[in-house]
Amino acid sequence: MTGCIVGWAHSKFGKHEGRDVESLIVEVAQGALSDAGVAAADIDSIFLGTMNGGFVKQEFPASLVLQADPGFRFKPATRVENACATGSAAIHMGLNSIAAGKARLVLVVGVEKMTEVSGAVVNDLLLRASYRKEEDDIEGGFAGIFGQIAQKYFQCYGDQSDALARIAAKNHKNGVANPLAQMQRDLGYEFCRTVSDKNPLVAGPLKRTDCSLVSDGAAAVVLADLQTALSLRKAVAFRAAEQVNDFLPMSKRDILAFDGPAVAWKKALAGARLGLDDLDLVETHDCFTIAELIEYEAMGLTAPGQGSRAILEGWTEKDGKLPINPSGGLKSKGHPVGATGVSMHVLASMQVTGQAGGMQIPNAKLAGVMNMGGAAVANFVSILEPLRG
């Protein structure tokens, strides 16, 4: 890939009452420009990632980026959508534009405001990222889909409630050190493991602590071609950037295999000429704890059915052999759908440039990012490293 991340910005995730999508976009667009040390007039193209579909009334949002600076006027701006992988899809559009020679500098913004509608409406809107012809009657919305996946996994490989609770506890503990996270509270293993009034069952074996948060938030990156990146004060290079899509209906595939993520990881590692052991950390898509568990297997950390080993033996803790979600992940940080993929790239870039503060993995130089849309349908894997040393 010829594109590099040369600046970024990230709002705090959470419930932002009194703020609209426009204000979130403006905040991170201005912040990313400032961080990169470039002007709006220097940007050649804009890509805005948002799923929306009913979370807010404002559609056709790409030109809202122009509200951040009059220098954006007359720049091409395009809205991108790919379910929960929308943010990464927008980054790929920016990388493709640079690779094609159509742009030297690109601004990518990911945004979502999910809290203006009721929980029932959120569930219905998220279910639009499934194959509604066959999956529309699954109770519990998208949690119901992953509840079914968890039930099937338990039937094949035994009760994994201990492992799921360990994943939730790990990510909540990590989130304490992330000032951008929606929930900065160490809930502990016992709370995550136990069904209670404050942690009820939501769908199948999944409890509330197994489910990511409904969130508002935004993140942005400035992308630059290699020559331009070398002239700027910081740059994070894409050692690999792969997209793999699978069938939308779960009935057409082995849903426990996560074949799409597995192929995306295989292609990314091969393209980067690396093994999984070479990575210093991974930010992966823990929309539900069962997703993170199966993603351990898809990335090749364990054999199929043995993902529990990675968490129960401490491999994926911050001091383990492959720290996973040192940011707290979607579980603790929050999951404003269109912003998530951009957020993951920002947090990984912070790690490999030594700017992650209390989240920092010592001497991190190679970071993996895995962002997933739907139930392992749209799958994006990036491998990032600092451009200079």
Protein backbone atom coordinates (compact mmCIF):
# COMPACT_ATOMS: atom_id res chain seq x y z
CA MET A 1 0.00 0.00 0.00
CA THR A 2 1.24 3.48 -0.83
CA GLY A 3 -0.84 5.32 1.77
CA CYS A 4 0.20 6.29 5.29
CA ILE A 5 -1.69 7.66 8.28
CA VAL A 6 -0.15 11.05 9.06
CA GLY A 7 -2.62 12.49 11.57
CA TRP A 8 -5.66 11.54 13.59
CA ALA A 9 -8.33 12.62 16.02
CA HIS A 10 -10.79 10.71 18.19
CA SER A 11 -13.77 11.95 20.20
CA LYS A 12 -14.66 10.35 23.47
CA PHE A 13 -17.22 7.59 22.88
CA GLY A 14 -20.42 7.50 24.91
CA LYS A 15 -23.87 9.06 25.05
CA HIS A 16 -23.50 12.62 23.80
CA GLU A 17 -26.73 14.38 24.64
CA GLY A 18 -27.16 17.72 22.94
CA ARG A 19 -24.64 16.91 20.21
CA ASP A 20 -25.47 15.94 16.66
CA VAL A 21 -23.59 14.09 13.95
CA GLU A 22 -22.41 17.36 12.45
CA SER A 23 -20.68 18.51 15.63
CA LEU A 24 -18.91 15.16 16.03
CA ILE A 25 -17.71 15.28 12.42
CA VAL A 26 -16.45 18.85 12.78
CA GLU A 27 -14.58 18.03 16.00
CA VAL A 28 -12.54 15.16 14.57
CA ALA A 29 -12.04 16.68 11.10
CA GLN A 30 -10.49 19.78 12.61
CA GLY A 31 -8.49 17.69 15.07
CA ALA A 32 -7.05 15.38 12.42
CA LEU A 33 -5.96 18.29 10.22
CA SER A 34 -4.24 19.94 13.18
CA ASP A 35 -2.56 16.71 14.21
CA ALA A 36 -1.25 16.11 10.69
CA GLY A 37 -0.15 19.71 10.28
CA VAL A 38 -2.00 20.19 7.00
CA ALA A 39 -4.69 22.61 5.88
CA ALA A 40 -8.17 21.79 4.60
CA ALA A 41 -7.19 23.32 1.26
CA ASP A 42 -4.44 20.67 0.96
CA ILE A 43 -6.90 17.77 1.14
CA ASP A 44 -7.69 16.25 -2.26
CA SER A 45 -10.58 13.97 -1.28
CA ILE A 46 -12.88 13.22 1.66
CA PHE A 47 -14.51 9.93 2.64
CA LEU A 48 -17.11 9.81 5.39
CA GLY A 49 -18.07 6.47 6.93
CA THR A 50 -21.46 6.15 8.59
CA MET A 51 -24.01 3.32 8.71
CA ASN A 52 -27.01 5.38 9.93
CA GLY A 53 -30.05 3.89 8.20
CA GLY A 54 -32.30 5.51 10.79
CA PHE A 55 -30.20 6.28 13.87
CA VAL A 56 -30.58 9.98 12.99
CA LYS A 57 -32.77 11.82 10.49
CA GLN A 58 -29.87 13.47 8.67
CA GLU A 59 -28.92 11.44 5.61
CA PHE A 60 -26.60 12.56 2.77
CA PRO A 61 -23.92 13.51 5.33
CA ALA A 62 -20.66 13.59 3.34
CA SER A 63 -20.68 17.34 2.79
CA LEU A 64 -21.12 17.95 6.49
CA VAL A 65 -17.33 17.58 6.67
CA LEU A 66 -17.17 20.91 4.83
CA GLN A 67 -18.64 22.53 7.95
CA ALA A 68 -15.26 22.00 9.62
CA ASP A 69 -13.37 24.42 7.40
CA PRO A 70 -14.24 26.60 4.38
CA GLY A 71 -11.08 25.28 2.73
CA PHE A 72 -12.95 22.01 2.11
CA ARG A 73 -15.42 23.69 -0.24
CA PHE A 74 -15.57 22.08 -3.69
CA LYS A 75 -13.53 19.03 -2.55
CA PRO A 76 -15.03 15.66 -3.54
CA ALA A 77 -16.72 14.07 -0.52
CA THR A 78 -18.25 10.59 -0.56
CA ARG A 79 -20.25 8.64 2.01
CA VAL A 80 -19.17 5.00 2.56
CA GLU A 81 -21.17 2.23 4.26
CA ASN A 82 -20.27 -1.39 5.02
CA ALA A 83 -22.16 -2.24 8.24
CA CYS A 84 -19.89 -2.42 11.30
CA ALA A 85 -16.82 -2.31 9.03
CA THR A 86 -17.86 1.06 7.58
CA GLY A 87 -14.90 2.94 9.06
CA SER A 88 -12.33 0.57 7.60
CA ALA A 89 -14.14 0.60 4.26
CA ALA A 90 -13.82 4.40 4.20
CA ILE A 91 -10.09 4.11 4.94
CA HIS A 92 -9.73 1.64 2.06
CA MET A 93 -11.47 4.09 -0.28
CA GLY A 94 -8.90 6.68 0.75
CA LEU A 95 -6.01 4.27 0.24
CA ASN A 96 -7.35 3.28 -3.17
CA SER A 97 -7.64 6.92 -4.20
CA ILE A 98 -3.99 7.50 -3.26
CA ALA A 99 -2.83 4.29 -4.95
CA ALA A 100 -4.62 5.33 -8.15
CA GLY A 101 -2.80 8.65 -8.16
CA LYS A 102 -6.05 10.58 -7.74
CA ALA A 103 -5.09 12.08 -4.39
CA ARG A 104 -2.04 13.04 -2.39
CA LEU A 105 -3.85 13.79 0.89
CA VAL A 106 -7.18 12.28 1.96
CA LEU A 107 -9.35 12.93 5.01
CA VAL A 108 -11.33 9.95 6.33
CA VAL A 109 -14.00 10.46 9.00
CA GLY A 110 -16.05 7.76 10.72
CA VAL A 111 -19.09 8.76 12.75
CA GLU A 112 -22.26 7.41 14.34
CA LYS A 113 -24.84 8.74 16.76
CA MET A 114 -26.87 5.79 17.98
CA THR A 115 -28.50 7.04 21.19
CA GLU A 116 -31.25 9.24 19.75
CA VAL A 117 -33.51 6.21 19.23
CA SER A 118 -34.81 3.55 21.64
CA GLY A 119 -33.07 0.27 22.32
CA ALA A 120 -35.71 -1.61 20.33
CA VAL A 121 -35.10 0.62 17.31
CA VAL A 122 -31.32 0.18 17.66
CA ASN A 123 -31.82 -3.61 17.63
CA ASP A 124 -33.93 -3.40 14.47
CA LEU A 125 -31.51 -1.08 12.68
CA LEU A 126 -28.52 -3.28 13.49
CA LEU A 127 -30.43 -6.33 12.25
CA ARG A 128 -30.26 -4.70 8.82
CA ALA A 129 -26.64 -5.91 8.77
CA SER A 130 -27.99 -9.47 8.60
CA TYR A 131 -29.77 -11.45 5.86
CA ARG A 132 -33.29 -10.46 6.79
CA LYS A 133 -34.97 -12.97 4.46
CA GLU A 134 -33.78 -15.75 6.76
CA GLU A 135 -32.63 -14.03 9.95
CA ASP A 136 -35.32 -11.41 10.54
CA ASP A 137 -37.19 -13.46 13.15
CA ILE A 138 -34.19 -14.03 15.41
CA GLU A 139 -35.09 -12.53 18.78
CA GLY A 140 -32.81 -9.93 20.32
CA GLY A 141 -31.58 -8.25 17.15
CA PHE A 142 -27.88 -8.65 16.43
CA ALA A 143 -27.28 -9.89 19.97
CA GLY A 144 -29.67 -12.70 19.07
CA ILE A 145 -27.57 -13.60 16.03
CA PHE A 146 -24.38 -13.82 18.08
CA GLY A 147 -26.33 -15.57 20.83
CA GLN A 148 -27.12 -18.29 18.29
CA ILE A 149 -23.46 -18.40 17.23
CA ALA A 150 -22.44 -18.80 20.89
CA GLN A 151 -24.97 -21.60 21.41
CA LYS A 152 -23.65 -23.47 18.37
CA TYR A 153 -20.08 -22.99 19.54
CA PHE A 154 -20.96 -24.31 23.01
CA GLN A 155 -22.66 -27.33 21.43
CA CYS A 156 -19.55 -28.11 19.39
CA TYR A 157 -16.80 -27.30 21.89
CA GLY A 158 -18.41 -27.23 25.33
CA ASP A 159 -19.53 -24.45 27.62
CA GLN A 160 -17.22 -21.47 27.15
CA SER A 161 -18.80 -19.16 29.73
CA ASP A 162 -15.55 -18.91 31.69
CA ALA A 163 -13.62 -17.83 28.59
CA LEU A 164 -16.25 -15.26 27.56
CA ALA A 165 -16.26 -13.76 31.05
CA ARG A 166 -12.45 -13.57 31.00
CA ILE A 167 -12.57 -11.72 27.66
CA ALA A 168 -15.13 -9.25 29.01
CA ALA A 169 -13.13 -8.71 32.22
CA LYS A 170 -9.89 -8.24 30.26
CA ASN A 171 -11.38 -5.63 27.97
CA HIS A 172 -13.05 -3.72 30.79
CA LYS A 173 -9.79 -3.73 32.75
CA ASN A 174 -7.93 -2.42 29.68
CA GLY A 175 -10.56 0.24 29.11
CA VAL A 176 -9.78 1.86 32.47
CA ALA A 177 -6.57 3.24 30.90
CA ASN A 178 -8.35 4.57 27.79
CA PRO A 179 -9.57 8.14 28.31
CA LEU A 180 -11.59 7.87 25.08
CA ALA A 181 -13.59 4.85 26.26
CA GLN A 182 -17.28 4.98 27.04
CA MET A 183 -16.90 2.72 30.09
CA GLN A 184 -13.73 3.10 32.14
CA ARG A 185 -14.59 0.62 34.86
CA ASP A 186 -12.91 -2.65 35.81
CA LEU A 187 -15.93 -4.90 36.31
CA GLY A 188 -13.90 -7.96 37.34
CA TYR A 189 -14.24 -11.59 36.33
CA GLU A 190 -16.83 -12.57 38.95
CA PHE A 191 -19.28 -9.87 37.88
CA CYS A 192 -18.83 -10.75 34.19
CA ARG A 193 -19.24 -14.48 34.91
CA THR A 194 -22.36 -14.25 37.06
CA VAL A 195 -25.92 -13.72 35.89
CA SER A 196 -27.48 -10.98 38.01
CA ASP A 197 -30.01 -8.15 37.91
CA LYS A 198 -27.19 -5.88 36.70
CA ASN A 199 -25.82 -8.50 34.31
CA PRO A 200 -28.80 -10.40 32.91
CA LEU A 201 -28.84 -12.88 30.06
CA VAL A 202 -29.47 -11.04 26.79
CA ALA A 203 -29.47 -13.72 24.10
CA GLY A 204 -28.62 -17.40 24.40
CA PRO A 205 -25.65 -17.71 26.78
CA LEU A 206 -24.62 -14.07 26.25
CA LYS A 207 -24.98 -11.73 29.21
CA ARG A 208 -24.99 -7.93 29.13
CA THR A 209 -21.23 -7.95 29.77
CA ASP A 210 -20.77 -10.03 26.61
CA CYS A 211 -22.24 -7.28 24.41
CA SER A 212 -20.62 -4.09 23.12
CA LEU A 213 -22.09 -0.72 23.99
CA VAL A 214 -24.51 1.48 22.06
CA SER A 215 -22.47 4.62 21.46
CA ASP A 216 -22.07 8.03 19.90
CA GLY A 217 -18.69 9.11 18.61
CA ALA A 218 -16.35 9.92 15.76
CA ALA A 219 -12.75 9.41 14.67
CA ALA A 220 -10.73 10.70 11.73
CA VAL A 221 -7.42 10.08 9.98
CA VAL A 222 -5.47 11.98 7.36
CA LEU A 223 -3.92 9.69 4.76
CA ALA A 224 -0.98 10.70 2.59
CA ASP A 225 1.04 9.19 -0.22
CA LEU A 226 4.53 8.00 0.67
CA GLN A 227 6.40 11.03 -0.62
CA THR A 228 4.13 13.45 1.25
CA ALA A 229 4.22 11.32 4.39
CA LEU A 230 8.01 11.53 4.50
CA SER A 231 7.77 15.32 4.65
CA LEU A 232 5.37 15.33 7.63
CA ARG A 233 6.20 15.02 11.31
CA LYS A 234 4.78 11.53 11.82
CA ALA A 235 3.61 8.69 9.60
CA VAL A 236 2.23 5.19 10.09
CA ALA A 237 2.53 2.91 7.07
CA PHE A 238 0.15 0.15 5.99
CA ARG A 239 2.31 -2.97 5.82
CA ALA A 240 -0.88 -4.66 4.60
CA ALA A 241 -4.55 -3.76 4.07
CA GLU A 242 -6.93 -6.52 2.99
CA GLN A 243 -10.68 -6.79 2.51
CA VAL A 244 -12.49 -10.12 2.24
CA ASN A 245 -16.27 -10.47 1.91
CA ASP A 246 -18.24 -13.65 2.51
CA PHE A 247 -21.84 -14.67 1.81
CA LEU A 248 -24.42 -12.62 3.70
CA PRO A 249 -26.73 -15.54 4.67
CA MET A 250 -25.35 -17.54 7.60
CA SER A 251 -27.03 -20.59 6.05
CA LYS A 252 -24.50 -20.57 3.18
CA ARG A 253 -21.42 -21.01 5.39
CA ASP A 254 -20.05 -22.58 8.55
CA ILE A 255 -20.66 -19.65 10.86
CA LEU A 256 -18.27 -21.03 13.51
CA ALA A 257 -15.35 -21.04 11.07
CA PHE A 258 -15.26 -17.26 10.52
CA ASP A 259 -13.80 -18.06 7.10
CA GLY A 260 -13.89 -14.42 5.96
CA PRO A 261 -11.77 -13.13 8.85
CA ALA A 262 -9.45 -16.13 8.51
CA VAL A 263 -8.83 -15.46 4.80
CA ALA A 264 -8.36 -11.74 5.44
CA TRP A 265 -5.76 -12.47 8.13
CA LYS A 266 -3.97 -15.00 5.93
CA LYS A 267 -3.77 -12.56 3.01
CA ALA A 268 -2.64 -9.68 5.21
CA LEU A 269 0.12 -11.63 6.94
CA ALA A 270 1.33 -13.08 3.64
CA GLY A 271 1.30 -9.65 1.99
CA ALA A 272 3.23 -8.18 4.91
CA ARG A 273 5.65 -11.13 4.91
CA LEU A 274 5.01 -11.63 8.61
CA GLY A 275 3.80 -14.28 11.00
CA LEU A 276 1.24 -13.64 13.70
CA ASP A 277 4.06 -13.94 16.26
CA ASP A 278 5.69 -10.85 14.74
CA LEU A 279 2.83 -8.60 15.83
CA ASP A 280 3.07 -6.67 19.09
CA LEU A 281 -0.68 -6.21 19.52
CA VAL A 282 -4.05 -6.57 17.79
CA GLU A 283 -7.19 -4.43 17.94
CA THR A 284 -9.97 -6.85 16.98
CA HIS A 285 -13.73 -6.63 16.57
CA ASP A 286 -15.25 -7.75 19.88
CA CYS A 287 -18.82 -6.69 19.13
CA PHE A 288 -19.62 -9.68 21.36
CA THR A 289 -17.19 -11.70 23.44
CA ILE A 290 -17.93 -14.82 21.36
CA ALA A 291 -16.69 -12.89 18.31
CA GLU A 292 -13.34 -12.17 19.95
CA LEU A 293 -13.06 -15.82 21.00
CA ILE A 294 -13.63 -17.13 17.46
CA GLU A 295 -11.37 -14.42 16.03
CA TYR A 296 -8.48 -15.88 18.07
CA GLU A 297 -8.94 -19.00 15.96
CA ALA A 298 -9.45 -17.11 12.69
CA MET A 299 -6.21 -15.17 13.09
CA GLY A 300 -4.34 -18.42 13.77
CA LEU A 301 -3.60 -17.85 17.46
CA THR A 302 -5.16 -21.23 18.30
CA ALA A 303 -6.65 -24.18 16.46
CA PRO A 304 -10.43 -24.23 15.84
CA GLY A 305 -12.35 -24.88 19.03
CA GLN A 306 -9.39 -23.97 21.24
CA GLY A 307 -9.77 -20.19 21.40
CA SER A 308 -10.42 -20.41 25.14
CA ARG A 309 -6.77 -21.35 25.70
CA ALA A 310 -5.65 -17.92 24.51
CA ILE A 311 -7.65 -16.06 27.15
CA LEU A 312 -7.59 -18.60 29.99
CA GLU A 313 -3.78 -18.93 29.75
CA GLY A 314 -3.29 -15.16 29.57
CA TRP A 315 -1.93 -14.95 26.03
CA THR A 316 -4.12 -11.99 25.08
CA GLU A 317 -3.68 -9.91 28.25
CA LYS A 318 -1.68 -6.67 27.98
CA ASP A 319 1.41 -8.52 29.27
CA GLY A 320 0.70 -11.68 27.28
CA LYS A 321 2.39 -12.95 24.12
CA LEU A 322 -0.15 -11.16 21.88
CA PRO A 323 -2.07 -8.37 23.62
CA ILE A 324 -5.53 -8.08 22.11
CA ASN A 325 -7.67 -4.98 22.52
CA PRO A 326 -5.38 -3.04 24.88
CA SER A 327 -7.77 -0.13 24.22
CA GLY A 328 -10.60 -2.02 25.89
CA GLY A 329 -12.07 -2.96 22.53
CA LEU A 330 -15.64 -2.33 21.46
CA LYS A 331 -16.71 -3.96 24.74
CA SER A 332 -15.35 -1.13 26.89
CA LYS A 333 -14.55 1.65 24.42
CA GLY A 334 -17.98 1.57 22.76
CA HIS A 335 -19.13 0.79 19.23
CA PRO A 336 -20.50 3.78 17.29
CA VAL A 337 -20.77 1.69 14.16
CA GLY A 338 -19.42 3.99 11.44
CA ALA A 339 -16.61 5.26 13.68
CA THR A 340 -15.33 1.90 14.91
CA GLY A 341 -12.97 0.99 12.06
CA VAL A 342 -11.39 4.45 12.01
CA SER A 343 -11.08 4.34 15.81
CA MET A 344 -9.25 1.01 15.66
CA HIS A 345 -6.73 2.42 13.16
CA VAL A 346 -6.22 5.52 15.32
CA LEU A 347 -5.58 3.46 18.45
CA ALA A 348 -3.21 1.10 16.64
CA SER A 349 -1.34 4.10 15.19
CA MET A 350 -1.00 5.55 18.68
CA GLN A 351 0.53 2.27 19.82
CA VAL A 352 3.18 1.96 17.10
CA THR A 353 4.20 5.61 17.54
CA GLY A 354 4.46 5.31 21.32
CA GLN A 355 1.59 7.74 21.95
CA ALA A 356 -0.92 5.40 23.61
CA GLY A 357 -0.37 6.62 27.19
CA GLY A 358 -1.64 4.17 29.79
CA MET A 359 -2.73 1.78 27.03
CA GLN A 360 0.81 1.56 25.63
CA ILE A 361 2.30 -1.84 24.89
CA PRO A 362 6.05 -1.42 25.48
CA ASN A 363 8.12 -1.07 22.30
CA ALA A 364 5.15 -1.80 20.02
CA LYS A 365 6.11 -1.46 16.34
CA LEU A 366 3.71 -3.80 14.51
CA ALA A 367 -0.05 -3.69 15.12
CA GLY A 368 -2.87 -5.69 13.56
CA VAL A 369 -6.40 -4.36 13.11
CA MET A 370 -9.39 -6.60 12.36
CA ASN A 371 -12.73 -4.85 11.72
CA MET A 372 -15.78 -6.97 10.85
CA GLY A 373 -19.11 -6.00 9.29
CA GLY A 374 -22.08 -8.23 10.00
CA ALA A 375 -21.52 -11.77 11.24
CA ALA A 376 -18.09 -12.26 9.60
CA VAL A 377 -19.35 -10.87 6.27
CA ALA A 378 -17.24 -7.76 5.48
CA ASN A 379 -13.78 -8.34 6.92
CA PHE A 380 -10.88 -5.89 6.93
CA VAL A 381 -7.38 -6.58 8.25
CA SER A 382 -4.64 -3.97 8.40
CA ILE A 383 -1.06 -4.29 9.62
CA LEU A 384 0.48 -1.00 10.67
CA GLU A 385 4.05 0.05 11.42
CA PRO A 386 5.82 3.39 11.87
CA LEU A 387 7.20 4.70 8.57
CA ARG A 388 10.41 5.79 10.24
CA GLY A 389 12.19 3.34 12.52
